[in-house]
Amino acid sequence: MKLKILASVTLLTTIFLGAPVKAENTSHIKQLLETRECMGCNLAGADLTGAHLIGADLRNANLKGAILVQANLEGADLTGANLKGANLSEAFVSGTSLNDANLTEVNFSEAKLYNADVDGATMEDIILTGATVFNTGISVGGGD
C-alpha cells in the first residue's frame, strides 16, 4: 500500500513540476513575437504558424518540433538552433542564417529557401518536396 502511495506521489510530483516548462515556453513565444529577440529560448513544439519573424534573433534556440508553417524568416539568425523535426512547410527562408543548426527531419515542403547560410548545419532526412532552393547549400533531388 505504501508503495502505491509513493508511486502516485512521485507521478503527480513529476506532472506538476513539468508544468512550469510549458509556462516558460509561453513566455518565450510572447518574447519572440513582441521583440523578435529570443536567443537561447525554449520554443520546442511551439506553434508559430504564419509568424512574421523577419530579422529575428533565434541563435541557439530550441525549436525542436516547432510549427513554422508559412512563417517569414527573412534575415533571421538561427545559428546553432535546434530545429529537429520542425515543420517549415511553405516558409519564406531568405537571407536566413542556419549555420551550425540541427535541421534533421525538418519539413521544408513548398518552402522558399533563398540565399540561406547552412554552413556546418546537420541536414539528415530533410523534406524538400516542392521547395524552391536558390543559392543555398541544400540539394534538391536524390540519387536513387
Protein backbone atom coordinates (compact mmCIF):
# COMPACT_ATOMS: atom_id res chain seq x y z
CA MET A 1 0.00 0.00 0.00
CA LYS A 2 2.79 2.42 0.92
CA LEU A 3 4.48 1.58 -2.39
CA LYS A 4 1.33 2.56 -4.32
CA ILE A 5 1.08 5.86 -2.44
CA LEU A 6 4.76 6.60 -3.04
CA ALA A 7 4.40 5.80 -6.74
CA SER A 8 1.32 8.06 -7.01
CA VAL A 9 3.05 10.95 -5.23
CA THR A 10 6.10 10.56 -7.44
CA LEU A 11 3.98 10.57 -10.59
CA LEU A 12 1.95 13.61 -9.51
CA THR A 13 5.08 15.49 -8.47
CA THR A 14 6.62 14.85 -11.89
CA ILE A 15 3.48 16.09 -13.64
CA PHE A 16 3.21 19.26 -11.54
CA LEU A 17 6.91 20.04 -11.74
CA GLY A 18 6.70 19.73 -15.53
CA ALA A 19 4.00 22.42 -15.79
CA PRO A 20 6.31 25.47 -15.45
CA VAL A 21 8.17 24.38 -18.58
CA LYS A 22 5.02 24.99 -20.59
CA ALA A 23 4.54 28.39 -18.94
CA GLU A 24 8.17 29.26 -19.64
CA ASN A 25 7.64 28.23 -23.26
CA THR A 26 4.63 30.54 -23.47
CA SER A 27 6.66 33.45 -22.13
CA HIS A 28 9.39 32.73 -24.69
CA ILE A 29 6.83 32.70 -27.50
CA LYS A 30 5.46 36.04 -26.28
CA GLN A 31 9.00 37.46 -26.03
CA LEU A 32 9.80 36.33 -29.58
CA LEU A 33 6.64 37.73 -31.11
CA GLU A 34 6.94 41.06 -29.28
CA THR A 35 10.67 41.70 -29.64
CA ARG A 36 11.91 39.28 -32.33
CA GLU A 37 14.76 38.52 -29.94
CA CYS A 38 14.82 35.14 -28.28
CA MET A 39 18.40 33.94 -28.22
CA GLY A 40 18.65 30.56 -26.48
CA CYS A 41 14.88 30.37 -25.90
CA ASN A 42 13.00 27.13 -25.42
CA LEU A 43 10.43 27.10 -28.22
CA ALA A 44 10.21 23.33 -28.57
CA GLY A 45 6.88 22.36 -30.10
CA ALA A 46 5.76 25.99 -30.38
CA ASP A 47 3.07 26.79 -32.93
CA LEU A 48 4.39 29.78 -34.85
CA THR A 49 2.24 29.28 -37.95
CA GLY A 50 2.36 32.35 -40.19
CA ALA A 51 4.60 34.27 -37.78
CA HIS A 52 6.49 37.27 -39.15
CA LEU A 53 9.97 36.67 -37.75
CA ILE A 54 11.85 38.98 -40.09
CA GLY A 55 15.32 39.60 -38.68
CA ALA A 56 14.56 37.59 -35.52
CA ASP A 57 17.46 36.58 -33.26
CA LEU A 58 16.95 32.90 -32.56
CA ARG A 59 20.57 31.93 -32.08
CA ASN A 60 20.91 28.67 -30.13
CA ALA A 61 17.13 28.49 -29.64
CA ASN A 62 15.43 25.14 -29.15
CA LEU A 63 12.79 24.88 -31.89
CA LYS A 64 12.62 21.09 -31.85
CA GLY A 65 9.28 20.06 -33.38
CA ALA A 66 8.15 23.68 -33.76
CA ILE A 67 5.47 24.53 -36.30
CA LEU A 68 6.68 27.33 -38.57
CA VAL A 69 4.28 26.73 -41.46
CA GLN A 70 4.12 29.83 -43.70
CA ALA A 71 6.44 31.70 -41.33
CA ASN A 72 8.55 34.55 -42.69
CA LEU A 73 12.14 34.04 -41.53
CA GLU A 74 13.72 36.59 -43.85
CA GLY A 75 17.05 37.72 -42.41
CA ALA A 76 16.53 35.73 -39.21
CA ASP A 77 19.54 34.37 -37.33
CA LEU A 78 19.06 30.74 -36.32
CA THR A 79 22.75 30.00 -35.91
CA GLY A 80 23.16 26.94 -33.69
CA ALA A 81 19.39 26.46 -33.32
CA ASN A 82 17.87 23.01 -32.85
CA LEU A 83 15.12 22.62 -35.46
CA LYS A 84 14.97 18.82 -35.39
CA GLY A 85 11.59 17.68 -36.68
CA ALA A 86 10.31 21.24 -37.18
CA ASN A 87 7.71 21.97 -39.85
CA LEU A 88 8.77 24.84 -42.12
CA SER A 89 6.47 23.96 -44.99
CA GLU A 90 5.63 26.98 -47.13
CA ALA A 91 8.02 29.11 -45.04
CA PHE A 92 9.97 32.01 -46.54
CA VAL A 93 13.62 31.48 -45.63
CA SER A 94 15.61 34.24 -47.34
CA GLY A 95 18.95 35.57 -46.16
CA THR A 96 18.49 33.40 -43.09
CA SER A 97 21.44 32.08 -41.11
CA LEU A 98 21.08 28.39 -40.33
CA ASN A 99 24.79 27.94 -39.70
CA ASP A 100 25.55 25.07 -37.31
CA ALA A 101 21.80 24.45 -36.88
CA ASN A 102 20.28 21.00 -36.46
CA LEU A 103 17.99 20.59 -39.48
CA THR A 104 17.46 16.85 -39.04
CA GLU A 105 14.00 15.76 -40.25
CA VAL A 106 12.92 19.36 -40.98
CA ASN A 107 9.99 19.64 -43.38
CA PHE A 108 10.77 22.32 -45.99
CA SER A 109 7.93 21.25 -48.34
CA GLU A 110 6.90 24.11 -50.64
CA ALA A 111 9.28 26.44 -48.74
CA LYS A 112 11.29 29.15 -50.45
CA LEU A 113 14.94 28.96 -49.43
CA TYR A 114 16.86 31.86 -50.97
CA ASN A 115 20.43 32.79 -50.05
CA ALA A 116 20.24 30.92 -46.74
CA ASP A 117 23.51 30.11 -44.96
CA VAL A 118 23.75 26.48 -43.88
CA ASP A 119 27.48 26.13 -43.16
CA GLY A 120 28.06 23.42 -40.57
CA ALA A 121 24.35 22.57 -40.34
CA THR A 122 23.27 18.97 -39.77
CA MET A 123 20.93 18.07 -42.62
CA GLU A 124 19.69 14.49 -42.35
CA ASP A 125 16.34 13.31 -43.70
CA ILE A 126 15.11 16.80 -44.59
CA ILE A 127 11.99 17.04 -46.75
CA LEU A 128 12.20 19.34 -49.77
CA THR A 129 9.10 18.32 -51.74
CA GLY A 130 8.13 21.25 -53.95
CA ALA A 131 10.66 23.57 -52.28
CA THR A 132 12.37 26.33 -54.23
CA VAL A 133 16.04 26.42 -53.32
CA PHE A 134 18.29 29.17 -54.70
CA ASN A 135 21.87 29.99 -53.75
CA THR A 136 21.63 27.79 -50.65
CA GLY A 137 23.84 24.78 -49.86
CA ILE A 138 20.96 22.31 -49.87
CA SER A 139 20.49 19.92 -52.77
CA VAL A 140 17.10 19.15 -54.22
CA GLY A 141 16.79 15.71 -55.76
CA GLY A 142 18.17 12.33 -54.95
CA GLY A 143 20.47 9.63 -56.15
CA ASP A 144 18.14 6.61 -56.15
